Amino acid sequence: MTSFLKIAVDGTSASGKGTLARRLAQQFHLSYLDTGALYRAVAKHILDQGGNPDNEDDALKSAIFVRDHFSWEMLEDPAIRTDIVADATSRSSQFPPLREALIEFQKNFASHPPHKPSQKPWSGTILDGRDIGTIICPRADVKFYCDASTETRAQRRTKELQEKGLNANLETVLQEMIERDTRDQNRTKNPLKPAEDAIILDTTSLSADEVFEKACDIIRSKIA
């Protein structure tokens, strides 16, 4: 059994990758980083500063700020989960300098996760995002790639936003998701795609519990 487990979870938006990663982190005592939240924090900083997410200089300045002044509060801010920030995230994250500014931070976390003195050492790390298995942790012990039909993902995201008391229209969410998928999958630097050795999890017709159990079985078989 490996002494320090690294798990990469990539996938499209609203495919269930975040839910899966959080549950796996708890199950296997792994330090968890939602890398998408890093990019959202950058996008929020761009907007807060009156910048333009389509401007490379604005994007890079905010990426450097988030990297150099990182705090967990940035990732826990509910404001980074709004549709406005999500759209700005997809637009700003297309710039290679922004992504480069955050790559080293993520790689360092994967190998040296922070922990509290009173806490027992982590058994490993799990990161979820869009280029974990391909760029951040190319030698991860287990790589998952979550996906689902665009319609299913749009329905999930709409329900999620409505449950938070936010206005959300299915048609609008669907169109924004299609546009985001196109940007993410066609950007020149680190496009969204499964790693060659990733295990594909199609979550279209699976519940969160079913996806979790399937992933747990795969991990146990890999580390046995």
Protein backbone atom coordinates (compact mmCIF):
# COMPACT_ATOMS: atom_id res chain seq x y z
CA MET A 1 0.00 0.00 0.00
CA THR A 2 1.32 3.44 -0.91
CA SER A 3 2.38 5.51 2.12
CA PHE A 4 1.14 8.85 0.74
CA LEU A 5 -1.85 8.72 -1.56
CA LYS A 6 -2.43 11.27 -4.31
CA ILE A 7 -5.78 11.37 -6.07
CA ALA A 8 -6.70 13.58 -9.02
CA VAL A 9 -10.33 14.35 -9.80
CA ASP A 10 -11.04 16.24 -13.01
CA GLY A 11 -14.23 16.86 -14.93
CA THR A 12 -16.75 19.22 -16.39
CA SER A 13 -18.75 21.68 -14.28
CA ALA A 14 -21.62 20.20 -12.24
CA SER A 15 -20.45 16.68 -13.05
CA GLY A 16 -20.18 15.82 -9.36
CA LYS A 17 -16.40 16.00 -9.09
CA GLY A 18 -16.41 18.36 -6.12
CA THR A 19 -18.91 16.31 -4.13
CA LEU A 20 -16.94 13.16 -4.89
CA ALA A 21 -13.58 14.69 -3.96
CA ARG A 22 -14.87 16.01 -0.62
CA ARG A 23 -16.33 12.64 0.34
CA LEU A 24 -13.21 10.76 -0.68
CA ALA A 25 -11.09 13.19 1.34
CA GLN A 26 -13.10 12.38 4.45
CA GLN A 27 -13.18 8.65 3.77
CA PHE A 28 -9.43 8.26 3.25
CA HIS A 29 -8.22 11.14 5.50
CA LEU A 30 -6.84 13.20 2.62
CA SER A 31 -6.09 16.90 2.55
CA TYR A 32 -8.47 18.40 -0.02
CA LEU A 33 -8.00 21.32 -2.38
CA ASP A 34 -10.76 22.54 -4.66
CA THR A 35 -8.55 24.09 -7.32
CA GLY A 36 -11.57 25.50 -9.12
CA ALA A 37 -12.16 27.66 -6.07
CA LEU A 38 -8.67 29.13 -6.54
CA TYR A 39 -9.59 30.28 -10.03
CA ARG A 40 -12.93 31.56 -8.76
CA ALA A 41 -11.14 33.55 -6.07
CA VAL A 42 -8.98 35.11 -8.77
CA ALA A 43 -12.03 35.98 -10.85
CA LYS A 44 -13.77 37.54 -7.85
CA HIS A 45 -10.67 39.63 -7.14
CA ILE A 46 -10.65 40.81 -10.76
CA LEU A 47 -14.27 41.93 -10.47
CA ASP A 48 -13.77 43.45 -7.00
CA GLN A 49 -10.91 45.54 -8.38
CA GLY A 50 -13.03 46.75 -11.28
CA GLY A 51 -10.96 44.74 -13.72
CA ASN A 52 -11.94 42.90 -16.87
CA PRO A 53 -11.81 39.07 -16.86
CA ASP A 54 -11.09 39.22 -20.60
CA ASN A 55 -7.96 41.30 -19.98
CA GLU A 56 -4.80 39.24 -19.50
CA ASP A 57 -3.00 41.85 -17.39
CA ASP A 58 -5.94 42.18 -14.99
CA ALA A 59 -6.18 38.39 -14.74
CA LEU A 60 -2.47 37.95 -14.01
CA LYS A 61 -2.41 40.68 -11.35
CA SER A 62 -5.28 39.04 -9.49
CA ALA A 63 -3.74 35.58 -9.80
CA ILE A 64 -0.51 36.81 -8.25
CA PHE A 65 -2.45 38.52 -5.46
CA VAL A 66 -4.40 35.36 -4.60
CA ARG A 67 -1.26 33.23 -4.77
CA ASP A 68 0.81 35.55 -2.58
CA HIS A 69 -1.95 36.42 -0.09
CA PHE A 70 -3.70 33.06 0.00
CA SER A 71 -6.09 32.28 2.83
CA TRP A 72 -8.68 29.53 3.21
CA GLU A 73 -11.30 32.25 3.63
CA MET A 74 -10.86 33.10 -0.06
CA LEU A 75 -12.05 29.62 -1.00
CA GLU A 76 -14.89 29.60 1.52
CA ASP A 77 -16.40 32.92 0.44
CA PRO A 78 -19.98 32.21 -0.81
CA ALA A 79 -19.58 35.02 -3.35
CA ILE A 80 -17.21 32.92 -5.47
CA ARG A 81 -20.08 30.50 -6.20
CA THR A 82 -22.28 32.99 -8.04
CA ASP A 83 -22.96 32.72 -11.77
CA ILE A 84 -21.24 36.07 -12.38
CA VAL A 85 -18.01 34.84 -10.83
CA ALA A 86 -18.34 31.45 -12.56
CA ASP A 87 -18.55 33.14 -15.95
CA ALA A 88 -15.63 35.45 -15.13
CA THR A 89 -13.64 32.41 -14.00
CA SER A 90 -14.03 30.62 -17.32
CA ARG A 91 -13.10 33.75 -19.24
CA SER A 92 -10.06 34.71 -17.17
CA SER A 93 -8.66 31.20 -16.71
CA GLN A 94 -8.03 30.89 -20.45
CA PHE A 95 -4.90 33.04 -20.06
CA PRO A 96 -1.69 30.95 -19.75
CA PRO A 97 0.09 33.43 -17.41
CA LEU A 98 -2.77 33.20 -14.91
CA ARG A 99 -2.66 29.41 -14.92
CA GLU A 100 1.12 29.38 -14.61
CA ALA A 101 0.90 31.65 -11.58
CA LEU A 102 -1.23 29.09 -9.75
CA ILE A 103 0.32 25.82 -10.95
CA GLU A 104 3.27 25.78 -8.54
CA PHE A 105 0.97 26.51 -5.59
CA GLN A 106 -1.20 23.53 -6.49
CA LYS A 107 1.76 21.20 -7.05
CA ASN A 108 3.24 22.15 -3.70
CA PHE A 109 -0.08 21.52 -1.97
CA ALA A 110 -0.32 18.07 -3.56
CA SER A 111 3.03 17.03 -2.07
CA HIS A 112 3.09 19.09 1.13
CA PRO A 113 -0.46 19.75 2.37
CA PRO A 114 -0.82 22.07 5.37
CA HIS A 115 -2.03 20.52 8.62
CA LYS A 116 -2.64 21.53 12.21
CA PRO A 117 -0.16 20.42 14.91
CA SER A 118 -2.97 18.71 16.86
CA GLN A 119 -4.10 16.77 13.82
CA LYS A 120 -2.70 13.41 12.81
CA PRO A 121 -0.69 13.55 9.58
CA TRP A 122 -2.64 13.38 6.36
CA SER A 123 -2.71 10.04 4.53
CA GLY A 124 -2.37 11.95 1.27
CA THR A 125 -4.00 14.61 -0.87
CA ILE A 126 -6.90 14.90 -3.25
CA LEU A 127 -7.31 17.77 -5.69
CA ASP A 128 -10.20 18.42 -8.00
CA GLY A 129 -10.25 20.69 -11.01
CA ARG A 130 -9.76 20.61 -14.74
CA ASP A 131 -6.08 19.81 -15.24
CA ILE A 132 -5.10 17.89 -12.12
CA GLY A 133 -4.39 14.54 -13.73
CA THR A 134 -2.72 16.05 -16.78
CA ILE A 135 -0.69 18.97 -15.37
CA ILE A 136 -0.74 19.25 -11.56
CA CYS A 137 -0.46 15.60 -10.54
CA PRO A 138 0.48 13.62 -13.66
CA ARG A 139 1.78 10.80 -11.44
CA ALA A 140 -1.23 10.62 -9.13
CA ASP A 141 -1.97 7.16 -7.76
CA VAL A 142 -5.57 7.34 -8.96
CA LYS A 143 -7.10 9.66 -11.55
CA PHE A 144 -10.81 10.17 -12.06
CA TYR A 145 -12.57 12.15 -14.77
CA CYS A 146 -16.21 12.95 -14.03
CA ASP A 147 -18.68 13.87 -16.74
CA ALA A 148 -22.40 13.83 -17.46
CA SER A 149 -24.70 15.00 -20.22
CA THR A 150 -24.87 18.76 -20.60
CA GLU A 151 -28.61 18.74 -19.89
CA THR A 152 -28.14 16.78 -16.67
CA ARG A 153 -25.39 19.08 -15.49
CA ALA A 154 -27.45 22.17 -16.26
CA GLN A 155 -30.37 20.76 -14.29
CA ARG A 156 -28.11 20.05 -11.33
CA ARG A 157 -26.58 23.51 -11.37
CA THR A 158 -29.98 25.21 -11.69
CA LYS A 159 -31.34 23.25 -8.73
CA GLU A 160 -28.22 24.00 -6.69
CA LEU A 161 -28.53 27.74 -7.31
CA GLN A 162 -32.26 27.78 -6.61
CA GLU A 163 -31.75 25.94 -3.33
CA LYS A 164 -29.36 28.71 -2.34
CA GLY A 165 -32.10 31.27 -2.97
CA LEU A 166 -30.55 32.55 -6.18
CA ASN A 167 -32.44 33.23 -9.39
CA ALA A 168 -31.58 30.56 -11.94
CA ASN A 169 -33.18 29.79 -15.28
CA LEU A 170 -32.51 26.37 -16.80
CA GLU A 171 -32.20 27.64 -20.37
CA THR A 172 -29.76 30.35 -19.34
CA VAL A 173 -27.69 27.97 -17.22
CA LEU A 174 -27.62 25.44 -20.07
CA GLN A 175 -26.39 28.01 -22.59
CA GLU A 176 -23.73 29.32 -20.20
CA MET A 177 -22.59 25.76 -19.54
CA ILE A 178 -22.26 25.02 -23.25
CA GLU A 179 -20.20 28.18 -23.71
CA ARG A 180 -18.00 27.35 -20.73
CA ASP A 181 -17.40 23.80 -21.92
CA THR A 182 -16.34 25.17 -25.30
CA ARG A 183 -13.89 27.62 -23.73
CA ASP A 184 -12.48 25.06 -21.30
CA GLN A 185 -12.01 22.33 -23.88
CA ASN A 186 -10.54 24.56 -26.58
CA ARG A 187 -8.15 26.84 -24.70
CA THR A 188 -4.59 26.61 -25.99
CA LYS A 189 -3.00 26.08 -22.56
CA ASN A 190 -4.02 23.04 -20.50
CA PRO A 191 -7.44 22.39 -22.07
CA LEU A 192 -9.99 20.34 -20.19
CA LYS A 193 -9.55 16.69 -21.14
CA PRO A 194 -9.17 13.34 -19.38
CA ALA A 195 -5.66 12.12 -18.62
CA GLU A 196 -4.78 9.11 -20.75
CA ASP A 197 -4.84 6.88 -17.67
CA ALA A 198 -7.88 8.47 -16.03
CA ILE A 199 -10.88 6.39 -15.02
CA ILE A 200 -13.99 7.90 -16.60
CA LEU A 201 -17.00 8.23 -14.30
CA ASP A 202 -20.18 9.00 -16.24
CA THR A 203 -22.46 10.41 -13.55
CA THR A 204 -25.46 11.11 -15.79
CA SER A 205 -27.60 8.32 -14.35
CA LEU A 206 -25.74 7.69 -11.10
CA SER A 207 -26.54 9.10 -7.67
CA ALA A 208 -23.81 10.76 -5.61
CA ASP A 209 -23.72 7.69 -3.36
CA GLU A 210 -23.31 5.35 -6.34
CA VAL A 211 -20.44 7.42 -7.74
CA PHE A 212 -18.79 7.52 -4.31
CA GLU A 213 -19.02 3.77 -3.77
CA LYS A 214 -17.68 3.08 -7.25
CA ALA A 215 -14.72 5.41 -6.68
CA CYS A 216 -13.99 3.89 -3.26
CA ASP A 217 -13.87 0.40 -4.75
CA ILE A 218 -11.46 1.59 -7.43
CA ILE A 219 -9.17 3.31 -4.91
CA ARG A 220 -9.09 0.29 -2.62
CA SER A 221 -8.18 -1.96 -5.54
CA LYS A 222 -5.40 0.42 -6.58
CA ILE A 223 -3.78 0.77 -3.15
CA ALA A 224 -4.26 -2.76 -1.86
